[in-house]
Amino acid sequence: MTTKPSLGFVGAGRVGQALVLAFSQRGYPILGIASKDASTAERLKEKAHAQSAGADASSFSKSTDVLFLAVPDQAIKAVCDGIAGKGGFRKGQVVAHTSGALGAGILVSAKMYGASTLAFHPLQSFSGGDQGAASIFSGIYFVLQGDGEAVEVGKDLAHALDGFPVVIGEKGKALYHAGASLLSNGLVALVREGTRMFAEAGIKSEEAVSMALPLLRGTIFNIEQGGVLEALTGPIERGDTETVKVHLKALLDEYPDGLCFYRTLGMAILKTAQEKGNVSPAAQAELSHILK
């Protein structure tokens, strides 16, 4: 049986906490947890049966096989440089950050000590709390970028969490993360705006969200079953210009704050409908005109 690599974590925010607990529950030794909030690190240490916790990573960082920097994007370089300044890296070690937008190149100060570097991004939404850390990573994708050796370690770690590794180049990280942000946070904004329209129509806010959830689940199911294009329905997909005009008039009269959102998203829906091929050229032209 292969010995599991020892892990260390700098940062105990949403992603860091989830990773610590998930790896601990899968039998990985956690040598240390460092956080600006030492009390948070200490509580996480108890949950994960880690060896040490505190505000400074230098006491354990060099001993780990894999050191995760689970800190905000804007802090990654400074944290990495700070550990390097204390001689906290070594040859043969993997140093990873969890940013979706940044590549492994930002960990250059760890590389100067002979460490292999890795960007290890779980494509999942983290809203805080333990969130059932044993299962939150199951079935998700981990986007990896970095040195060859580090990427192979990243693949093993993704598989250990019952996930699927995907390797991309450093140049593609920002565009990938833009897409991920749109899928996750854009959906939240869409639900917020759609349920506001429900509320303006006279539906109670809490009921509006309850009404929206089955619709969203049905759409996701349709995407899973038939693909993105086949899941597209509605008046724009049908070329129903009169219904779209009714929508726009209702928004203008009753909820003008939602008009820009509807027009912008409507143009994106029209583009997808054009790809699907159901809308006639005449309907496409008229829809484009009235949405703009």
Protein backbone atom coordinates (compact mmCIF):
# COMPACT_ATOMS: atom_id res chain seq x y z
CA MET A 1 0.00 0.00 0.00
CA THR A 2 1.39 3.38 -1.04
CA THR A 3 2.05 5.80 1.79
CA LYS A 4 -0.08 8.92 1.55
CA PRO A 5 1.92 12.16 1.26
CA SER A 6 1.88 14.49 4.24
CA LEU A 7 -0.01 17.75 3.75
CA GLY A 8 0.16 21.25 5.17
CA PHE A 9 -2.21 24.16 4.71
CA VAL A 10 -1.75 27.90 4.83
CA GLY A 11 -5.16 29.55 4.93
CA ALA A 12 -8.27 28.33 6.69
CA GLY A 13 -11.03 29.97 4.69
CA ARG A 14 -13.85 28.15 2.94
CA VAL A 15 -11.73 26.21 0.46
CA GLY A 16 -8.91 25.54 2.91
CA GLN A 17 -11.22 24.18 5.57
CA ALA A 18 -13.04 21.93 3.13
CA LEU A 19 -9.77 20.50 1.75
CA VAL A 20 -8.28 19.94 5.20
CA LEU A 21 -11.32 18.03 6.41
CA ALA A 22 -11.75 16.04 3.20
CA PHE A 23 -8.11 14.91 3.08
CA SER A 24 -8.11 14.16 6.81
CA GLN A 25 -11.20 12.01 6.43
CA ARG A 26 -9.40 10.08 3.70
CA GLY A 27 -6.43 9.30 5.90
CA TYR A 28 -3.93 11.92 4.77
CA PRO A 29 -1.61 13.13 7.57
CA ILE A 30 -2.04 16.87 8.15
CA LEU A 31 1.23 18.19 9.55
CA GLY A 32 0.06 21.74 10.13
CA ILE A 33 -2.52 24.44 9.52
CA ALA A 34 -1.63 28.13 9.50
CA SER A 35 -4.07 31.01 9.44
CA LYS A 36 -4.07 34.72 10.32
CA ASP A 37 -6.84 33.72 12.73
CA ALA A 38 -4.95 31.31 14.98
CA SER A 39 -8.15 30.29 16.80
CA THR A 40 -9.71 29.14 13.52
CA ALA A 41 -6.59 27.12 12.73
CA GLU A 42 -6.70 25.56 16.20
CA ARG A 43 -10.36 24.53 15.84
CA LEU A 44 -9.64 23.04 12.42
CA LYS A 45 -6.65 21.20 13.86
CA GLU A 46 -8.91 19.47 16.39
CA LYS A 47 -11.44 18.46 13.71
CA ALA A 48 -8.78 17.17 11.32
CA HIS A 49 -6.46 15.69 13.97
CA ALA A 50 -3.63 17.79 12.56
CA GLN A 51 -0.25 17.88 14.29
CA SER A 52 0.05 21.65 14.68
CA ALA A 53 -1.79 24.91 14.15
CA GLY A 54 -1.07 28.60 14.49
CA ALA A 55 -0.45 31.83 12.66
CA ASP A 56 2.98 30.91 11.25
CA ALA A 57 3.55 28.16 8.68
CA SER A 58 7.34 28.11 9.01
CA SER A 59 7.21 25.54 11.82
CA PHE A 60 5.85 22.83 9.52
CA SER A 61 5.96 24.02 5.89
CA LYS A 62 9.33 22.49 4.99
CA SER A 63 8.38 19.08 6.41
CA THR A 64 5.30 18.60 4.25
CA ASP A 65 5.23 16.63 1.02
CA VAL A 66 2.52 18.92 -0.32
CA LEU A 67 1.94 22.44 0.99
CA PHE A 68 -1.32 24.13 -0.01
CA LEU A 69 -1.59 27.91 -0.06
CA ALA A 70 -5.36 28.27 0.25
CA VAL A 71 -5.30 32.06 0.56
CA PRO A 72 -6.95 34.84 -1.50
CA ASP A 73 -5.46 35.38 -4.96
CA GLN A 74 -3.97 38.74 -4.08
CA ALA A 75 -2.12 37.23 -1.10
CA ILE A 76 -0.58 34.15 -2.79
CA LYS A 77 2.70 35.72 -3.92
CA ALA A 78 3.30 37.55 -0.63
CA VAL A 79 2.56 34.44 1.44
CA CYS A 80 4.79 32.29 -0.76
CA ASP A 81 7.61 34.84 -0.63
CA GLY A 82 7.25 35.11 3.13
CA ILE A 83 7.64 31.37 3.63
CA ALA A 84 10.57 31.33 1.21
CA GLY A 85 12.20 34.12 3.18
CA LYS A 86 12.21 31.84 6.22
CA GLY A 87 13.62 28.90 4.25
CA GLY A 88 10.30 27.09 4.42
CA PHE A 89 10.52 25.14 1.15
CA ARG A 90 12.69 22.25 -0.01
CA LYS A 91 13.59 20.24 -3.08
CA GLY A 92 11.17 17.43 -3.88
CA GLN A 93 8.22 19.15 -2.25
CA VAL A 94 5.05 20.20 -4.07
CA VAL A 95 3.76 23.69 -3.34
CA ALA A 96 0.22 24.32 -4.58
CA HIS A 97 -2.25 27.18 -4.55
CA THR A 98 -5.99 26.88 -4.99
CA SER A 99 -6.68 29.89 -7.23
CA GLY A 100 -8.77 29.36 -10.32
CA ALA A 101 -7.51 32.43 -12.17
CA LEU A 102 -3.77 32.32 -11.46
CA GLY A 103 -1.16 29.90 -12.74
CA ALA A 104 1.56 28.08 -10.86
CA GLY A 105 4.14 30.60 -12.06
CA ILE A 106 3.23 32.94 -9.21
CA LEU A 107 4.92 30.45 -6.82
CA VAL A 108 8.35 31.26 -8.26
CA SER A 109 9.97 31.79 -4.84
CA ALA A 110 9.10 28.18 -3.87
CA LYS A 111 10.55 26.97 -7.16
CA MET A 112 13.84 28.69 -6.33
CA TYR A 113 14.20 26.26 -3.43
CA GLY A 114 13.67 23.26 -5.72
CA ALA A 115 9.99 22.71 -5.02
CA SER A 116 7.59 21.74 -7.81
CA THR A 117 4.66 24.12 -8.18
CA LEU A 118 1.01 23.49 -8.89
CA ALA A 119 -2.27 25.35 -9.36
CA PHE A 120 -4.95 23.03 -7.90
CA HIS A 121 -8.46 24.44 -8.37
CA PRO A 122 -11.57 22.48 -7.31
CA LEU A 123 -14.42 23.48 -9.60
CA GLN A 124 -17.00 23.76 -6.86
CA SER A 125 -18.89 26.46 -4.97
CA PHE A 126 -17.97 26.86 -1.29
CA SER A 127 -20.39 28.81 0.89
CA GLY A 128 -18.81 28.19 4.29
CA GLY A 129 -19.06 25.66 7.10
CA ASP A 130 -17.99 22.04 6.97
CA GLN A 131 -20.50 21.39 4.15
CA GLY A 132 -20.05 17.64 4.41
CA ALA A 133 -16.40 17.84 3.37
CA ALA A 134 -16.25 14.10 2.77
CA SER A 135 -18.64 14.41 -0.17
CA ILE A 136 -18.43 18.00 -1.46
CA PHE A 137 -15.52 17.08 -3.75
CA SER A 138 -16.97 13.78 -4.94
CA GLY A 139 -17.67 13.83 -8.67
CA ILE A 140 -16.31 17.34 -9.28
CA TYR A 141 -13.48 18.40 -11.57
CA PHE A 142 -10.11 19.70 -10.44
CA VAL A 143 -8.33 21.98 -12.89
CA LEU A 144 -4.55 21.50 -12.64
CA GLN A 145 -1.66 23.49 -14.08
CA GLY A 146 2.00 23.40 -13.21
CA ASP A 147 5.21 21.38 -13.31
CA GLY A 148 4.96 17.84 -14.65
CA GLU A 149 5.76 16.13 -11.35
CA ALA A 150 3.43 18.39 -9.41
CA VAL A 151 0.59 17.81 -11.87
CA GLU A 152 0.93 14.05 -11.40
CA VAL A 153 0.68 14.53 -7.62
CA GLY A 154 -2.33 16.78 -8.22
CA LYS A 155 -4.01 14.05 -10.26
CA ASP A 156 -3.53 11.57 -7.41
CA LEU A 157 -4.97 14.04 -4.89
CA ALA A 158 -7.98 14.75 -7.12
CA HIS A 159 -8.65 11.04 -7.50
CA ALA A 160 -8.30 10.58 -3.74
CA LEU A 161 -11.18 13.02 -3.29
CA ASP A 162 -13.23 11.04 -5.85
CA GLY A 163 -12.83 13.85 -8.37
CA PHE A 164 -11.67 14.14 -11.97
CA PRO A 165 -8.46 16.00 -12.85
CA VAL A 166 -8.25 18.20 -15.95
CA VAL A 167 -4.91 19.69 -16.99
CA ILE A 168 -4.71 23.06 -18.77
CA GLY A 169 -1.95 25.52 -19.67
CA GLU A 170 -1.13 28.60 -17.63
CA LYS A 171 -2.33 30.90 -20.42
CA GLY A 172 -5.83 29.44 -20.17
CA LYS A 173 -6.30 29.85 -16.41
CA ALA A 174 -7.91 33.30 -16.41
CA LEU A 175 -10.36 32.48 -19.22
CA TYR A 176 -11.28 29.17 -17.57
CA HIS A 177 -11.95 30.96 -14.30
CA ALA A 178 -14.03 33.63 -16.02
CA GLY A 179 -16.24 30.84 -17.34
CA ALA A 180 -16.43 29.18 -13.93
CA SER A 181 -17.37 32.45 -12.25
CA LEU A 182 -20.09 33.06 -14.82
CA LEU A 183 -21.54 29.57 -14.34
CA SER A 184 -21.62 29.76 -10.55
CA ASN A 185 -22.05 33.40 -9.60
CA GLY A 186 -23.95 34.26 -12.76
CA LEU A 187 -26.51 31.64 -11.81
CA VAL A 188 -26.95 33.24 -8.39
CA ALA A 189 -27.46 36.65 -9.99
CA LEU A 190 -29.89 35.13 -12.48
CA VAL A 191 -31.96 33.52 -9.73
CA ARG A 192 -31.93 36.78 -7.79
CA GLU A 193 -33.16 38.78 -10.77
CA GLY A 194 -35.70 36.20 -11.91
CA THR A 195 -37.24 35.86 -8.44
CA ARG A 196 -37.40 39.65 -8.13
CA MET A 197 -39.57 39.61 -11.24
CA PHE A 198 -41.75 36.98 -9.54
CA ALA A 199 -41.98 39.24 -6.49
CA GLU A 200 -42.95 42.25 -8.63
CA ALA A 201 -45.69 40.07 -10.09
CA GLY A 202 -47.13 39.62 -6.57
CA ILE A 203 -45.46 36.38 -5.43
CA LYS A 204 -43.93 36.31 -1.95
CA SER A 205 -40.12 36.37 -2.05
CA GLU A 206 -39.63 33.13 -0.11
CA GLU A 207 -42.17 31.36 -2.33
CA ALA A 208 -40.50 32.74 -5.46
CA VAL A 209 -37.25 30.93 -4.66
CA SER A 210 -39.13 27.69 -3.88
CA MET A 211 -40.88 27.98 -7.23
CA ALA A 212 -37.62 28.61 -9.08
CA LEU A 213 -35.68 25.62 -7.74
CA PRO A 214 -37.62 22.82 -9.54
CA LEU A 215 -37.35 24.81 -12.78
CA LEU A 216 -33.59 25.09 -12.35
CA ARG A 217 -33.25 21.40 -11.48
CA GLY A 218 -35.31 20.48 -14.54
CA THR A 219 -33.07 22.59 -16.77
CA ILE A 220 -29.90 21.01 -15.34
CA PHE A 221 -31.45 17.56 -15.86
CA ASN A 222 -32.24 18.42 -19.48
CA ILE A 223 -28.65 19.58 -20.04
CA GLU A 224 -27.36 16.31 -18.54
CA GLN A 225 -29.68 14.22 -20.69
CA GLY A 226 -29.57 16.00 -24.04
CA GLY A 227 -26.82 18.61 -23.98
CA VAL A 228 -26.85 22.38 -23.78
CA LEU A 229 -28.52 23.19 -27.11
CA GLU A 230 -31.32 20.66 -26.72
CA ALA A 231 -32.08 22.01 -23.23
CA LEU A 232 -32.83 25.47 -24.60
CA THR A 233 -36.56 26.27 -24.66
CA GLY A 234 -38.77 29.34 -24.43
CA PRO A 235 -40.01 32.16 -26.62
CA ILE A 236 -36.65 33.25 -28.02
CA GLU A 237 -35.76 29.66 -28.98
CA ARG A 238 -39.15 29.42 -30.73
CA GLY A 239 -38.77 32.76 -32.50
CA ASP A 240 -41.84 34.06 -30.66
CA THR A 241 -41.26 37.79 -31.07
CA GLU A 242 -44.71 38.78 -29.79
CA THR A 243 -44.14 37.14 -26.39
CA VAL A 244 -40.74 38.81 -26.07
CA LYS A 245 -42.40 42.15 -26.80
CA VAL A 246 -44.94 41.45 -24.04
CA HIS A 247 -42.06 40.68 -21.65
CA LEU A 248 -40.25 43.90 -22.51
CA LYS A 249 -43.39 46.04 -22.11
CA ALA A 250 -44.17 44.45 -18.73
CA LEU A 251 -40.64 45.10 -17.55
CA LEU A 252 -40.71 48.68 -18.79
CA ASP A 253 -44.03 49.36 -17.05
CA GLU A 254 -43.62 47.37 -13.84
CA TYR A 255 -39.94 46.58 -13.23
CA PRO A 256 -37.65 48.79 -15.32
CA ASP A 257 -34.63 47.82 -13.22
CA GLY A 258 -34.80 44.36 -14.81
CA LEU A 259 -35.00 45.57 -18.39
CA CYS A 260 -31.24 45.77 -19.07
CA PHE A 261 -30.69 42.34 -17.51
CA TYR A 262 -33.42 40.78 -19.68
CA ARG A 263 -32.12 42.39 -22.87
CA THR A 264 -28.50 41.33 -22.23
CA LEU A 265 -29.38 37.78 -21.32
CA GLY A 266 -31.92 37.66 -24.14
CA MET A 267 -29.18 38.39 -26.68
CA ALA A 268 -27.11 35.54 -25.23
CA ILE A 269 -30.13 33.23 -25.47
CA LEU A 270 -30.67 34.32 -29.08
CA LYS A 271 -27.07 33.46 -29.92
CA THR A 272 -27.57 29.98 -28.43
CA ALA A 273 -30.87 29.61 -30.30
CA GLN A 274 -29.06 30.47 -33.55
CA GLU A 275 -26.60 27.67 -32.83
CA LYS A 276 -29.51 25.29 -32.25
CA GLY A 277 -30.94 26.30 -35.62
CA ASN A 278 -34.64 26.52 -34.78
CA VAL A 279 -35.13 30.25 -35.32
CA SER A 280 -35.82 31.55 -38.81
CA PRO A 281 -33.56 34.32 -40.17
CA ALA A 282 -36.49 36.76 -40.15
CA ALA A 283 -37.29 36.00 -36.48
CA GLN A 284 -33.61 36.25 -35.57
CA ALA A 285 -33.40 39.70 -37.12
CA GLU A 286 -36.55 40.95 -35.41
CA LEU A 287 -35.56 39.51 -32.01
CA SER A 288 -32.11 41.06 -32.29
CA HIS A 289 -33.69 44.42 -33.09
CA ILE A 290 -36.20 44.46 -30.24
CA LEU A 291 -33.72 43.14 -27.67
CA LYS A 292 -31.16 45.78 -28.57
